[in-house]
Amino acid sequence: MELPDEAKLLRIFIGESDKHTHTPLYEAIVKEARAAGLAGATVSRGILAFGPTSRVRTAKVLDLSADLPVIVEIVDEIEKINLFLPRLHALMAEANSGGLVTIEKVQVIHYLHAKKA
């Protein structure tokens, strides 16, 4: 699979405790992105954040939060991202999840599969 030099980054901010049925929402999003044939997805766990409620969520040992921020990032062609958006919105609605979804233009510098020996 190749990516064009100009692509889009879909970034999804959700909570670690958000669930789609019994699966973490971030896991459901990645599985759906793979099924949709997107180039790849990465999930990162935040260590400190606040959102619309202004409640600070942190990974500090003395102030453990059960709902740390999670960021799912997907880079692909805008057409594929646009086709995926309705499924993403459905997943978030089914999970009754809040969150933030952004899209931005990115320049792809390097995207190659490793060659196995």
PDB file of N, CA and C in Angstrom:
ATOM      1  N   MET A   1       0.848  -1.182   0.000  1.00  0.00           N
ATOM      2  CA  MET A   1       0.000   0.000   0.000  1.00  0.00           C
ATOM      3  C   MET A   1       0.886   1.235   0.000  1.00  0.00           C
ATOM      4  N   GLU A   2       0.497   2.199  -0.772  1.00  0.00           N
ATOM      5  CA  GLU A   2       1.216   3.464  -0.822  1.00  0.00           C
ATOM      6  C   GLU A   2       0.309   4.584  -0.353  1.00  0.00           C
ATOM      7  N   LEU A   3       0.925   5.624   0.155  1.00  0.00           N
ATOM      8  CA  LEU A   3       0.198   6.833   0.534  1.00  0.00           C
ATOM      9  C   LEU A   3       0.684   7.974  -0.337  1.00  0.00           C
ATOM     10  N   PRO A   4      -0.209   8.867  -0.705  1.00  0.00           N
ATOM     11  CA  PRO A   4       0.236  10.031  -1.479  1.00  0.00           C
ATOM     12  C   PRO A   4       1.066  10.957  -0.585  1.00  0.00           C
ATOM     13  N   ASP A   5       1.828  11.848  -1.228  1.00  0.00           N
ATOM     14  CA  ASP A   5       2.635  12.803  -0.458  1.00  0.00           C
ATOM     15  C   ASP A   5       1.775  13.657   0.456  1.00  0.00           C
ATOM     16  N   GLU A   6       0.587  14.029  -0.025  1.00  0.00           N
ATOM     17  CA  GLU A   6      -0.353  14.808   0.781  1.00  0.00           C
ATOM     18  C   GLU A   6      -1.452  13.879   1.267  1.00  0.00           C
ATOM     19  N   ALA A   7      -1.635  13.798   2.567  1.00  0.00           N
ATOM     20  CA  ALA A   7      -2.659  12.924   3.142  1.00  0.00           C
ATOM     21  C   ALA A   7      -3.367  13.672   4.269  1.00  0.00           C
ATOM     22  N   LYS A   8      -4.254  12.976   4.957  1.00  0.00           N
ATOM     23  CA  LYS A   8      -4.972  13.561   6.083  1.00  0.00           C
ATOM     24  C   LYS A   8      -4.730  12.736   7.339  1.00  0.00           C
ATOM     25  N   LEU A   9      -4.665  13.432   8.455  1.00  0.00           N
ATOM     26  CA  LEU A   9      -4.529  12.807   9.764  1.00  0.00           C
ATOM     27  C   LEU A   9      -5.863  12.946  10.491  1.00  0.00           C
ATOM     28  N   LEU A  10      -6.452  11.810  10.797  1.00  0.00           N
ATOM     29  CA  LEU A  10      -7.674  11.774  11.598  1.00  0.00           C
ATOM     30  C   LEU A  10      -7.231  11.516  13.026  1.00  0.00           C
ATOM     31  N   ARG A  11      -7.552  12.423  13.936  1.00  0.00           N
ATOM     32  CA  ARG A  11      -7.142  12.303  15.332  1.00  0.00           C
ATOM     33  C   ARG A  11      -8.399  12.264  16.194  1.00  0.00           C
ATOM     34  N   ILE A  12      -8.499  11.241  17.029  1.00  0.00           N
ATOM     35  CA  ILE A  12      -9.686  11.012  17.849  1.00  0.00           C
ATOM     36  C   ILE A  12      -9.278  11.008  19.315  1.00  0.00           C
ATOM     37  N   PHE A  13      -9.841  11.919  20.094  1.00  0.00           N
ATOM     38  CA  PHE A  13      -9.565  12.017  21.527  1.00  0.00           C
ATOM     39  C   PHE A  13     -10.764  11.435  22.273  1.00  0.00           C
ATOM     40  N   ILE A  14     -10.538  10.396  23.040  1.00  0.00           N
ATOM     41  CA  ILE A  14     -11.602   9.758  23.820  1.00  0.00           C
ATOM     42  C   ILE A  14     -11.050   9.392  25.198  1.00  0.00           C
ATOM     43  N   GLY A  15     -11.895   8.815  26.029  1.00  0.00           N
ATOM     44  CA  GLY A  15     -11.469   8.375  27.352  1.00  0.00           C
ATOM     45  C   GLY A  15     -11.118   6.899  27.352  1.00  0.00           C
ATOM     46  N   GLU A  16     -10.160   6.556  28.162  1.00  0.00           N
ATOM     47  CA  GLU A  16      -9.710   5.172  28.261  1.00  0.00           C
ATOM     48  C   GLU A  16     -10.832   4.226  28.689  1.00  0.00           C
ATOM     49  N   SER A  17     -11.771   4.706  29.475  1.00  0.00           N
ATOM     50  CA  SER A  17     -12.839   3.841  29.972  1.00  0.00           C
ATOM     51  C   SER A  17     -14.039   3.746  29.020  1.00  0.00           C
ATOM     52  N   ASP A  18     -14.014   4.494  27.895  1.00  0.00           N
ATOM     53  CA  ASP A  18     -15.105   4.407  26.930  1.00  0.00           C
ATOM     54  C   ASP A  18     -15.159   3.009  26.329  1.00  0.00           C
ATOM     55  N   LYS A  19     -16.350   2.436  26.292  1.00  0.00           N
ATOM     56  CA  LYS A  19     -16.520   1.070  25.794  1.00  0.00           C
ATOM     57  C   LYS A  19     -17.530   1.027  24.656  1.00  0.00           C
ATOM     58  N   HIS A  20     -17.260   0.142  23.703  1.00  0.00           N
ATOM     59  CA  HIS A  20     -18.214  -0.195  22.645  1.00  0.00           C
ATOM     60  C   HIS A  20     -18.601  -1.638  22.920  1.00  0.00           C
ATOM     61  N   THR A  21     -19.796  -1.870  23.363  1.00  0.00           N
ATOM     62  CA  THR A  21     -20.236  -3.139  23.959  1.00  0.00           C
ATOM     63  C   THR A  21     -19.276  -3.442  25.104  1.00  0.00           C
ATOM     64  N   HIS A  22     -18.488  -4.518  25.020  1.00  0.00           N
ATOM     65  CA  HIS A  22     -17.567  -4.831  26.120  1.00  0.00           C
ATOM     66  C   HIS A  22     -16.111  -4.603  25.735  1.00  0.00           C
ATOM     67  N   THR A  23     -15.894  -3.950  24.608  1.00  0.00           N
ATOM     68  CA  THR A  23     -14.556  -3.712  24.079  1.00  0.00           C
ATOM     69  C   THR A  23     -14.187  -2.249  24.288  1.00  0.00           C
ATOM     70  N   PRO A  24     -12.930  -1.959  24.653  1.00  0.00           N
ATOM     71  CA  PRO A  24     -12.533  -0.551  24.713  1.00  0.00           C
ATOM     72  C   PRO A  24     -12.812   0.131  23.376  1.00  0.00           C
ATOM     73  N   LEU A  25     -13.346   1.330  23.425  1.00  0.00           N
ATOM     74  CA  LEU A  25     -13.709   2.047  22.198  1.00  0.00           C
ATOM     75  C   LEU A  25     -12.513   2.226  21.279  1.00  0.00           C
ATOM     76  N   TYR A  26     -11.339   2.530  21.854  1.00  0.00           N
ATOM     77  CA  TYR A  26     -10.162   2.720  21.010  1.00  0.00           C
ATOM     78  C   TYR A  26      -9.829   1.441  20.231  1.00  0.00           C
ATOM     79  N   GLU A  27     -10.039   0.285  20.858  1.00  0.00           N
ATOM     80  CA  GLU A  27      -9.790  -0.985  20.179  1.00  0.00           C
ATOM     81  C   GLU A  27     -10.807  -1.215  19.053  1.00  0.00           C
ATOM     82  N   ALA A  28     -12.068  -0.896  19.313  1.00  0.00           N
ATOM     83  CA  ALA A  28     -13.107  -1.030  18.290  1.00  0.00           C
ATOM     84  C   ALA A  28     -12.812  -0.114  17.103  1.00  0.00           C
ATOM     85  N   ILE A  29     -12.335   1.097  17.365  1.00  0.00           N
ATOM     86  CA  ILE A  29     -12.006   2.038  16.288  1.00  0.00           C
ATOM     87  C   ILE A  29     -10.869   1.487  15.430  1.00  0.00           C
ATOM     88  N   VAL A  30      -9.825   0.970  16.072  1.00  0.00           N
ATOM     89  CA  VAL A  30      -8.685   0.431  15.321  1.00  0.00           C
ATOM     90  C   VAL A  30      -9.113  -0.775  14.484  1.00  0.00           C
ATOM     91  N   LYS A  31      -9.926  -1.661  15.060  1.00  0.00           N
ATOM     92  CA  LYS A  31     -10.396  -2.829  14.303  1.00  0.00           C
ATOM     93  C   LYS A  31     -11.235  -2.406  13.094  1.00  0.00           C
ATOM     94  N   GLU A  32     -12.098  -1.411  13.279  1.00  0.00           N
ATOM     95  CA  GLU A  32     -12.921  -0.920  12.171  1.00  0.00           C
ATOM     96  C   GLU A  32     -12.067  -0.224  11.110  1.00  0.00           C
ATOM     97  N   ALA A  33     -11.031   0.501  11.545  1.00  0.00           N
ATOM     98  CA  ALA A  33     -10.130   1.158  10.592  1.00  0.00           C
ATOM     99  C   ALA A  33      -9.398   0.116   9.756  1.00  0.00           C
ATOM    100  N   ARG A  34      -8.991  -0.956  10.382  1.00  0.00           N
ATOM    101  CA  ARG A  34      -8.313  -2.041   9.655  1.00  0.00           C
ATOM    102  C   ARG A  34      -9.274  -2.694   8.668  1.00  0.00           C
ATOM    103  N   ALA A  35     -10.500  -2.958   9.125  1.00  0.00           N
ATOM    104  CA  ALA A  35     -11.504  -3.569   8.247  1.00  0.00           C
ATOM    105  C   ALA A  35     -11.833  -2.658   7.059  1.00  0.00           C
ATOM    106  N   ALA A  36     -11.722  -1.347   7.264  1.00  0.00           N
ATOM    107  CA  ALA A  36     -12.008  -0.384   6.198  1.00  0.00           C
ATOM    108  C   ALA A  36     -10.835  -0.214   5.237  1.00  0.00           C
ATOM    109  N   GLY A  37      -9.724  -0.890   5.522  1.00  0.00           N
ATOM    110  CA  GLY A  37      -8.570  -0.822   4.633  1.00  0.00           C
ATOM    111  C   GLY A  37      -7.730   0.429   4.775  1.00  0.00           C
ATOM    112  N   LEU A  38      -7.836   1.104   5.922  1.00  0.00           N
ATOM    113  CA  LEU A  38      -7.023   2.297   6.129  1.00  0.00           C
ATOM    114  C   LEU A  38      -5.559   1.901   6.321  1.00  0.00           C
ATOM    115  N   ALA A  39      -4.655   2.839   6.076  1.00  0.00           N
ATOM    116  CA  ALA A  39      -3.221   2.551   6.049  1.00  0.00           C
ATOM    117  C   ALA A  39      -2.680   2.090   7.395  1.00  0.00           C
ATOM    118  N   GLY A  40      -3.234   2.553   8.488  1.00  0.00           N
ATOM    119  CA  GLY A  40      -2.757   2.164   9.811  1.00  0.00           C
ATOM    120  C   GLY A  40      -3.359   3.053  10.874  1.00  0.00           C
ATOM    121  N   ALA A  41      -3.230   2.621  12.103  1.00  0.00           N
ATOM    122  CA  ALA A  41      -3.758   3.387  13.231  1.00  0.00           C
ATOM    123  C   ALA A  41      -2.833   3.207  14.419  1.00  0.00           C
ATOM    124  N   THR A  42      -2.716   4.237  15.226  1.00  0.00           N
ATOM    125  CA  THR A  42      -1.904   4.200  16.436  1.00  0.00           C
ATOM    126  C   THR A  42      -2.727   4.744  17.585  1.00  0.00           C
ATOM    127  N   VAL A  43      -2.639   4.067  18.726  1.00  0.00           N
ATOM    128  CA  VAL A  43      -3.322   4.518  19.936  1.00  0.00           C
ATOM    129  C   VAL A  43      -2.263   4.935  20.940  1.00  0.00           C
ATOM    130  N   SER A  44      -2.428   6.128  21.502  1.00  0.00           N
ATOM    131  CA  SER A  44      -1.529   6.635  22.534  1.00  0.00           C
ATOM    132  C   SER A  44      -2.334   6.962  23.779  1.00  0.00           C
ATOM    133  N   ARG A  45      -1.740   6.706  24.909  1.00  0.00           N
ATOM    134  CA  ARG A  45      -2.381   6.997  26.189  1.00  0.00           C
ATOM    135  C   ARG A  45      -1.806   8.292  26.737  1.00  0.00           C
ATOM    136  N   GLY A  46      -2.675   9.211  27.087  1.00  0.00           N
ATOM    137  CA  GLY A  46      -2.234  10.476  27.644  1.00  0.00           C
ATOM    138  C   GLY A  46      -1.900  10.351  29.125  1.00  0.00           C
ATOM    139  N   ILE A  47      -1.079  11.255  29.612  1.00  0.00           N
ATOM    140  CA  ILE A  47      -0.736  11.225  31.035  1.00  0.00           C
ATOM    141  C   ILE A  47      -1.357  12.379  31.815  1.00  0.00           C
ATOM    142  N   LEU A  48      -1.867  13.377  31.099  1.00  0.00           N
ATOM    143  CA  LEU A  48      -2.503  14.509  31.763  1.00  0.00           C
ATOM    144  C   LEU A  48      -3.381  15.219  30.747  1.00  0.00           C
ATOM    145  N   ALA A  49      -4.621  15.521  31.128  1.00  0.00           N
ATOM    146  CA  ALA A  49      -5.526  16.195  30.191  1.00  0.00           C
ATOM    147  C   ALA A  49      -6.718  16.780  30.927  1.00  0.00           C
ATOM    148  N   PHE A  50      -7.424  17.686  30.255  1.00  0.00           N
ATOM    149  CA  PHE A  50      -8.749  18.106  30.688  1.00  0.00           C
ATOM    150  C   PHE A  50      -9.553  18.389  29.443  1.00  0.00           C
ATOM    151  N   GLY A  51     -10.866  18.328  29.582  1.00  0.00           N
ATOM    152  CA  GLY A  51     -11.751  18.541  28.444  1.00  0.00           C
ATOM    153  C   GLY A  51     -12.853  19.503  28.805  1.00  0.00           C
ATOM    154  N   PRO A  52     -14.035  19.330  28.195  1.00  0.00           N
ATOM    155  CA  PRO A  52     -15.130  20.280  28.390  1.00  0.00           C
ATOM    156  C   PRO A  52     -15.605  20.395  29.834  1.00  0.00           C
ATOM    157  N   THR A  53     -15.425  19.342  30.627  1.00  0.00           N
ATOM    158  CA  THR A  53     -15.860  19.411  32.027  1.00  0.00           C
ATOM    159  C   THR A  53     -14.828  20.104  32.905  1.00  0.00           C
ATOM    160  N   SER A  54     -13.633  20.362  32.357  1.00  0.00           N
ATOM    161  CA  SER A  54     -12.502  20.959  33.062  1.00  0.00           C
ATOM    162  C   SER A  54     -11.959  20.072  34.182  1.00  0.00           C
ATOM    163  N   ARG A  55     -12.407  18.818  34.222  1.00  0.00           N
ATOM    164  CA  ARG A  55     -11.877  17.878  35.203  1.00  0.00           C
ATOM    165  C   ARG A  55     -10.514  17.399  34.710  1.00  0.00           C
ATOM    166  N   VAL A  56      -9.490  17.557  35.552  1.00  0.00           N
ATOM    167  CA  VAL A  56      -8.147  17.139  35.173  1.00  0.00           C
ATOM    168  C   VAL A  56      -8.029  15.638  35.390  1.00  0.00           C
ATOM    169  N   ARG A  57      -7.518  14.965  34.380  1.00  0.00           N
ATOM    170  CA  ARG A  57      -7.274  13.521  34.450  1.00  0.00           C
ATOM    171  C   ARG A  57      -5.764  13.336  34.388  1.00  0.00           C
ATOM    172  N   THR A  58      -5.234  12.540  35.297  1.00  0.00           N
ATOM    173  CA  THR A  58      -3.789  12.409  35.388  1.00  0.00           C
ATOM    174  C   THR A  58      -3.384  10.976  35.682  1.00  0.00           C
ATOM    175  N   ALA A  59      -2.139  10.662  35.340  1.00  0.00           N
ATOM    176  CA  ALA A  59      -1.590   9.329  35.590  1.00  0.00           C
ATOM    177  C   ALA A  59      -0.712   9.321  36.832  1.00  0.00           C
ATOM    178  N   LYS A  60      -0.725  10.398  37.610  1.00  0.00           N
ATOM    179  CA  LYS A  60       0.088  10.447  38.831  1.00  0.00           C
ATOM    180  C   LYS A  60      -0.370   9.372  39.795  1.00  0.00           C
ATOM    181  N   VAL A  61       0.588   8.755  40.456  1.00  0.00           N
ATOM    182  CA  VAL A  61       0.291   7.647  41.368  1.00  0.00           C
ATOM    183  C   VAL A  61      -0.651   8.071  42.493  1.00  0.00           C
ATOM    184  N   LEU A  62      -0.467   9.255  43.034  1.00  0.00           N
ATOM    185  CA  LEU A  62      -1.293   9.701  44.157  1.00  0.00           C
ATOM    186  C   LEU A  62      -2.670  10.176  43.735  1.00  0.00           C
ATOM    187  N   ASP A  63      -2.879  10.358  42.438  1.00  0.00           N
ATOM    188  CA  ASP A  63      -4.144  10.888  41.936  1.00  0.00           C
ATOM    189  C   ASP A  63      -4.590  10.069  40.732  1.00  0.00           C
ATOM    190  N   LEU A  64      -4.673   8.744  40.906  1.00  0.00           N
ATOM    191  CA  LEU A  64      -4.988   7.871  39.780  1.00  0.00           C
ATOM    192  C   LEU A  64      -6.373   8.157  39.211  1.00  0.00           C
ATOM    193  N   SER A  65      -6.429   8.246  37.904  1.00  0.00           N
ATOM    194  CA  SER A  65      -7.690   8.439  37.202  1.00  0.00           C
ATOM    195  C   SER A  65      -8.055   7.137  36.514  1.00  0.00           C
ATOM    196  N   ALA A  66      -9.322   6.806  36.541  1.00  0.00           N
ATOM    197  CA  ALA A  66      -9.785   5.602  35.853  1.00  0.00           C
ATOM    198  C   ALA A  66     -10.123   5.894  34.405  1.00  0.00           C
ATOM    199  N   ASP A  67      -9.961   7.133  33.993  1.00  0.00           N
ATOM    200  CA  ASP A  67     -10.360   7.512  32.646  1.00  0.00           C
ATOM    201  C   ASP A  67      -9.330   8.442  32.021  1.00  0.00           C
ATOM    202  N   LEU A  68      -8.118   7.926  31.828  1.00  0.00           N
ATOM    203  CA  LEU A  68      -7.073   8.728  31.197  1.00  0.00           C
ATOM    204  C   LEU A  68      -7.423   8.980  29.734  1.00  0.00           C
ATOM    205  N   PRO A  69      -6.869  10.038  29.161  1.00  0.00           N
ATOM    206  CA  PRO A  69      -7.146  10.327  27.757  1.00  0.00           C
ATOM    207  C   PRO A  69      -6.459   9.315  26.849  1.00  0.00           C
ATOM    208  N   VAL A  70      -7.119   9.000  25.736  1.00  0.00           N
ATOM    209  CA  VAL A  70      -6.573   8.119  24.711  1.00  0.00           C
ATOM    210  C   VAL A  70      -6.720   8.845  23.378  1.00  0.00           C
ATOM    211  N   ILE A  71      -5.665   8.763  22.573  1.00  0.00           N
ATOM    212  CA  ILE A  71      -5.680   9.412  21.266  1.00  0.00           C
ATOM    213  C   ILE A  71      -5.463   8.341  20.204  1.00  0.00           C
ATOM    214  N   VAL A  72      -6.391   8.264  19.258  1.00  0.00           N
ATOM    215  CA  VAL A  72      -6.261   7.351  18.123  1.00  0.00           C
ATOM    216  C   VAL A  72      -5.923   8.208  16.911  1.00  0.00           C
ATOM    217  N   GLU A  73      -4.824   7.857  16.223  1.00  0.00           N
ATOM    218  CA  GLU A  73      -4.414   8.606  15.038  1.00  0.00           C
ATOM    219  C   GLU A  73      -4.388   7.682  13.828  1.00  0.00           C
ATOM    220  N   ILE A  74      -4.966   8.172  12.740  1.00  0.00           N
ATOM    221  CA  ILE A  74      -5.044   7.412  11.493  1.00  0.00           C
ATOM    222  C   ILE A  74      -4.648   8.362  10.361  1.00  0.00           C
ATOM    223  N   VAL A  75      -3.699   7.935   9.522  1.00  0.00           N
ATOM    224  CA  VAL A  75      -3.292   8.735   8.367  1.00  0.00           C
ATOM    225  C   VAL A  75      -3.641   7.967   7.105  1.00  0.00           C
ATOM    226  N   ASP A  76      -4.306   8.636   6.178  1.00  0.00           N
ATOM    227  CA  ASP A  76      -4.614   8.022   4.889  1.00  0.00           C
ATOM    228  C   ASP A  76      -5.099   9.105   3.933  1.00  0.00           C
ATOM    229  N   GLU A  77      -5.493   8.678   2.742  1.00  0.00           N
ATOM    230  CA  GLU A  77      -6.044   9.595   1.750  1.00  0.00           C
ATOM    231  C   GLU A  77      -7.353  10.166   2.274  1.00  0.00           C
ATOM    232  N   ILE A  78      -7.657  11.397   1.907  1.00  0.00           N
ATOM    233  CA  ILE A  78      -8.862  12.056   2.398  1.00  0.00           C
ATOM    234  C   ILE A  78     -10.115  11.276   2.024  1.00  0.00           C
ATOM    235  N   GLU A  79     -10.135  10.660   0.837  1.00  0.00           N
ATOM    236  CA  GLU A  79     -11.323   9.911   0.418  1.00  0.00           C
ATOM    237  C   GLU A  79     -11.588   8.746   1.370  1.00  0.00           C
ATOM    238  N   LYS A  80     -10.545   8.024   1.749  1.00  0.00           N
ATOM    239  CA  LYS A  80     -10.712   6.893   2.655  1.00  0.00           C
ATOM    240  C   LYS A  80     -11.100   7.363   4.061  1.00  0.00           C
ATOM    241  N   ILE A  81     -10.508   8.472   4.490  1.00  0.00           N
ATOM    242  CA  ILE A  81     -10.869   9.040   5.804  1.00  0.00           C
ATOM    243  C   ILE A  81     -12.343   9.435   5.802  1.00  0.00           C
ATOM    244  N   ASN A  82     -12.769  10.113   4.741  1.00  0.00           N
ATOM    245  CA  ASN A  82     -14.169  10.550   4.653  1.00  0.00           C
ATOM    246  C   ASN A  82     -15.135   9.368   4.655  1.00  0.00           C
ATOM    247  N   LEU A  83     -14.761   8.283   3.994  1.00  0.00           N
ATOM    248  CA  LEU A  83     -15.610   7.091   3.986  1.00  0.00           C
ATOM    249  C   LEU A  83     -15.687   6.441   5.371  1.00  0.00           C
ATOM    250  N   PHE A  84     -14.645   6.597   6.157  1.00  0.00           N
ATOM    251  CA  PHE A  84     -14.590   6.000   7.492  1.00  0.00           C
ATOM    252  C   PHE A  84     -15.360   6.821   8.539  1.00  0.00           C
ATOM    253  N   LEU A  85     -15.501   8.120   8.325  1.00  0.00           N
ATOM    254  CA  LEU A  85     -16.121   8.999   9.323  1.00  0.00           C
ATOM    255  C   LEU A  85     -17.519   8.566   9.780  1.00  0.00           C
ATOM    256  N   PRO A  86     -18.426   8.159   8.887  1.00  0.00           N
ATOM    257  CA  PRO A  86     -19.741   7.730   9.376  1.00  0.00           C
ATOM    258  C   PRO A  86     -19.650   6.533  10.326  1.00  0.00           C
ATOM    259  N   ARG A  87     -18.749   5.601  10.052  1.00  0.00           N
ATOM    260  CA  ARG A  87     -18.585   4.447  10.945  1.00  0.00           C
ATOM    261  C   ARG A  87     -18.008   4.888  12.282  1.00  0.00           C
ATOM    262  N   LEU A  88     -17.050   5.823  12.253  1.00  0.00           N
ATOM    263  CA  LEU A  88     -16.481   6.351  13.493  1.00  0.00           C
ATOM    264  C   LEU A  88     -17.564   7.022  14.331  1.00  0.00           C
ATOM    265  N   HIS A  89     -18.376   7.852  13.700  1.00  0.00           N
ATOM    266  CA  HIS A  89     -19.446   8.541  14.428  1.00  0.00           C
ATOM    267  C   HIS A  89     -20.432   7.528  15.017  1.00  0.00           C
ATOM    268  N   ALA A  90     -20.727   6.472  14.266  1.00  0.00           N
ATOM    269  CA  ALA A  90     -21.634   5.431  14.767  1.00  0.00           C
ATOM    270  C   ALA A  90     -21.030   4.712  15.971  1.00  0.00           C
ATOM    271  N   LEU A  91     -19.748   4.382  15.904  1.00  0.00           N
ATOM    272  CA  LEU A  91     -19.081   3.725  17.039  1.00  0.00           C
ATOM    273  C   LEU A  91     -19.146   4.595  18.288  1.00  0.00           C
ATOM    274  N   MET A  92     -18.865   5.881  18.119  1.00  0.00           N
ATOM    275  CA  MET A  92     -18.875   6.796  19.269  1.00  0.00           C
ATOM    276  C   MET A  92     -20.291   6.955  19.821  1.00  0.00           C
ATOM    277  N   ALA A  93     -21.281   7.005  18.930  1.00  0.00           N
ATOM    278  CA  ALA A  93     -22.673   7.126  19.375  1.00  0.00           C
ATOM    279  C   ALA A  93     -23.120   5.860  20.097  1.00  0.00           C
ATOM    280  N   GLU A  94     -22.770   4.698  19.544  1.00  0.00           N
ATOM    281  CA  GLU A  94     -23.139   3.426  20.171  1.00  0.00           C
ATOM    282  C   GLU A  94     -22.476   3.276  21.536  1.00  0.00           C
ATOM    283  N   ALA A  95     -21.279   3.854  21.690  1.00  0.00           N
ATOM    284  CA  ALA A  95     -20.558   3.795  22.963  1.00  0.00           C
ATOM    285  C   ALA A  95     -21.024   4.896  23.917  1.00  0.00           C
ATOM    286  N   ASN A  96     -21.902   5.781  23.427  1.00  0.00           N
ATOM    287  CA  ASN A  96     -22.355   6.930  24.199  1.00  0.00           C
ATOM    288  C   ASN A  96     -21.153   7.713  24.723  1.00  0.00           C
ATOM    289  N   SER A  97     -20.199   7.919  23.815  1.00  0.00           N
ATOM    290  CA  SER A  97     -18.919   8.527  24.168  1.00  0.00           C
ATOM    291  C   SER A  97     -18.853   9.984  23.754  1.00  0.00           C
ATOM    292  N   GLY A  98     -18.287  10.784  24.622  1.00  0.00           N
ATOM    293  CA  GLY A  98     -17.915  12.130  24.239  1.00  0.00           C
ATOM    294  C   GLY A  98     -16.575  12.042  23.541  1.00  0.00           C
ATOM    295  N   GLY A  99     -15.997  13.168  23.233  1.00  0.00           N
ATOM    296  CA  GLY A  99     -14.675  13.151  22.629  1.00  0.00           C
ATOM    297  C   GLY A  99     -14.507  14.288  21.656  1.00  0.00           C
ATOM    298  N   LEU A 100     -13.394  14.261  20.975  1.00  0.00           N
ATOM    299  CA  LEU A 100     -13.063  15.277  19.988  1.00  0.00           C
ATOM    300  C   LEU A 100     -12.467  14.565  18.787  1.00  0.00           C
ATOM    301  N   VAL A 101     -12.918  14.934  17.590  1.00  0.00           N
ATOM    302  CA  VAL A 101     -12.399  14.346  16.357  1.00  0.00           C
ATOM    303  C   VAL A 101     -11.910  15.500  15.484  1.00  0.00           C
ATOM    304  N   THR A 102     -10.656  15.403  15.039  1.00  0.00           N
ATOM    305  CA  THR A 102     -10.092  16.442  14.174  1.00  0.00           C
ATOM    306  C   THR A 102      -9.483  15.799  12.930  1.00  0.00           C
ATOM    307  N   ILE A 103      -9.389  16.606  11.883  1.00  0.00           N
ATOM    308  CA  ILE A 103      -8.706  16.191  10.654  1.00  0.00           C
ATOM    309  C   ILE A 103      -7.760  17.323  10.277  1.00  0.00           C
ATOM    310  N   GLU A 104      -6.539  16.936   9.926  1.00  0.00           N
ATOM    311  CA  GLU A 104      -5.601  17.948   9.457  1.00  0.00           C
ATOM    312  C   GLU A 104      -4.778  17.406   8.294  1.00  0.00           C
ATOM    313  N   LYS A 105      -4.270  18.315   7.509  1.00  0.00           N
ATOM    314  CA  LYS A 105      -3.446  17.960   6.359  1.00  0.00           C
ATOM    315  C   LYS A 105      -2.055  17.585   6.864  1.00  0.00           C
ATOM    316  N   VAL A 106      -1.502  16.496   6.319  1.00  0.00           N
ATOM    317  CA  VAL A 106      -0.139  16.093   6.666  1.00  0.00           C
ATOM    318  C   VAL A 106       0.636  15.802   5.388  1.00  0.00           C
ATOM    319  N   GLN A 107       1.932  15.948   5.476  1.00  0.00           N
ATOM    320  CA  GLN A 107       2.815  15.591   4.368  1.00  0.00           C
ATOM    321  C   GLN A 107       3.474  14.267   4.737  1.00  0.00           C
ATOM    322  N   VAL A 108       3.290  13.269   3.910  1.00  0.00           N
ATOM    323  CA  VAL A 108       3.876  11.954   4.151  1.00  0.00           C
ATOM    324  C   VAL A 108       5.309  11.971   3.636  1.00  0.00           C
ATOM    325  N   ILE A 109       6.247  11.740   4.528  1.00  0.00           N
ATOM    326  CA  ILE A 109       7.664  11.737   4.184  1.00  0.00           C
ATOM    327  C   ILE A 109       8.146  10.319   3.894  1.00  0.00           C
ATOM    328  N   HIS A 110       7.667   9.374   4.694  1.00  0.00           N
ATOM    329  CA  HIS A 110       8.154   7.996   4.582  1.00  0.00           C
ATOM    330  C   HIS A 110       7.053   7.046   5.026  1.00  0.00           C
ATOM    331  N   TYR A 111       6.694   6.089   4.187  1.00  0.00           N
ATOM    332  CA  TYR A 111       5.725   5.058   4.539  1.00  0.00           C
ATOM    333  C   TYR A 111       6.070   3.804   3.762  1.00  0.00           C
ATOM    334  N   LEU A 112       6.822   2.916   4.371  1.00  0.00           N
ATOM    335  CA  LEU A 112       7.246   1.683   3.729  1.00  0.00           C
ATOM    336  C   LEU A 112       7.120   0.535   4.711  1.00  0.00           C
ATOM    337  N   HIS A 113       6.840  -0.644   4.178  1.00  0.00           N
ATOM    338  CA  HIS A 113       6.834  -1.843   5.002  1.00  0.00           C
ATOM    339  C   HIS A 113       8.258  -2.352   5.112  1.00  0.00           C
ATOM    340  N   ALA A 114       8.618  -2.868   6.283  1.00  0.00           N
ATOM    341  CA  ALA A 114       9.953  -3.436   6.458  1.00  0.00           C
ATOM    342  C   ALA A 114      10.084  -4.691   5.609  1.00  0.00           C
ATOM    343  N   LYS A 115      11.248  -4.880   5.041  1.00  0.00           N
ATOM    344  CA  LYS A 115      11.510  -6.072   4.245  1.00  0.00           C
ATOM    345  C   LYS A 115      12.034  -7.164   5.160  1.00  0.00           C
ATOM    346  N   LYS A 116      11.361  -8.325   5.155  1.00  0.00           N
ATOM    347  CA  LYS A 116      11.783  -9.425   6.005  1.00  0.00           C
ATOM    348  C   LYS A 116      12.876 -10.220   5.305  1.00  0.00           C
ATOM    349  N   ALA A 117      13.857 -10.663   6.084  1.00  0.00           N
ATOM    350  CA  ALA A 117      14.990 -11.416   5.524  1.00  0.00           C
ATOM    351  C   ALA A 117      14.635 -12.840   5.227  1.00  0.00           C
TER     352      ALA A 117
END
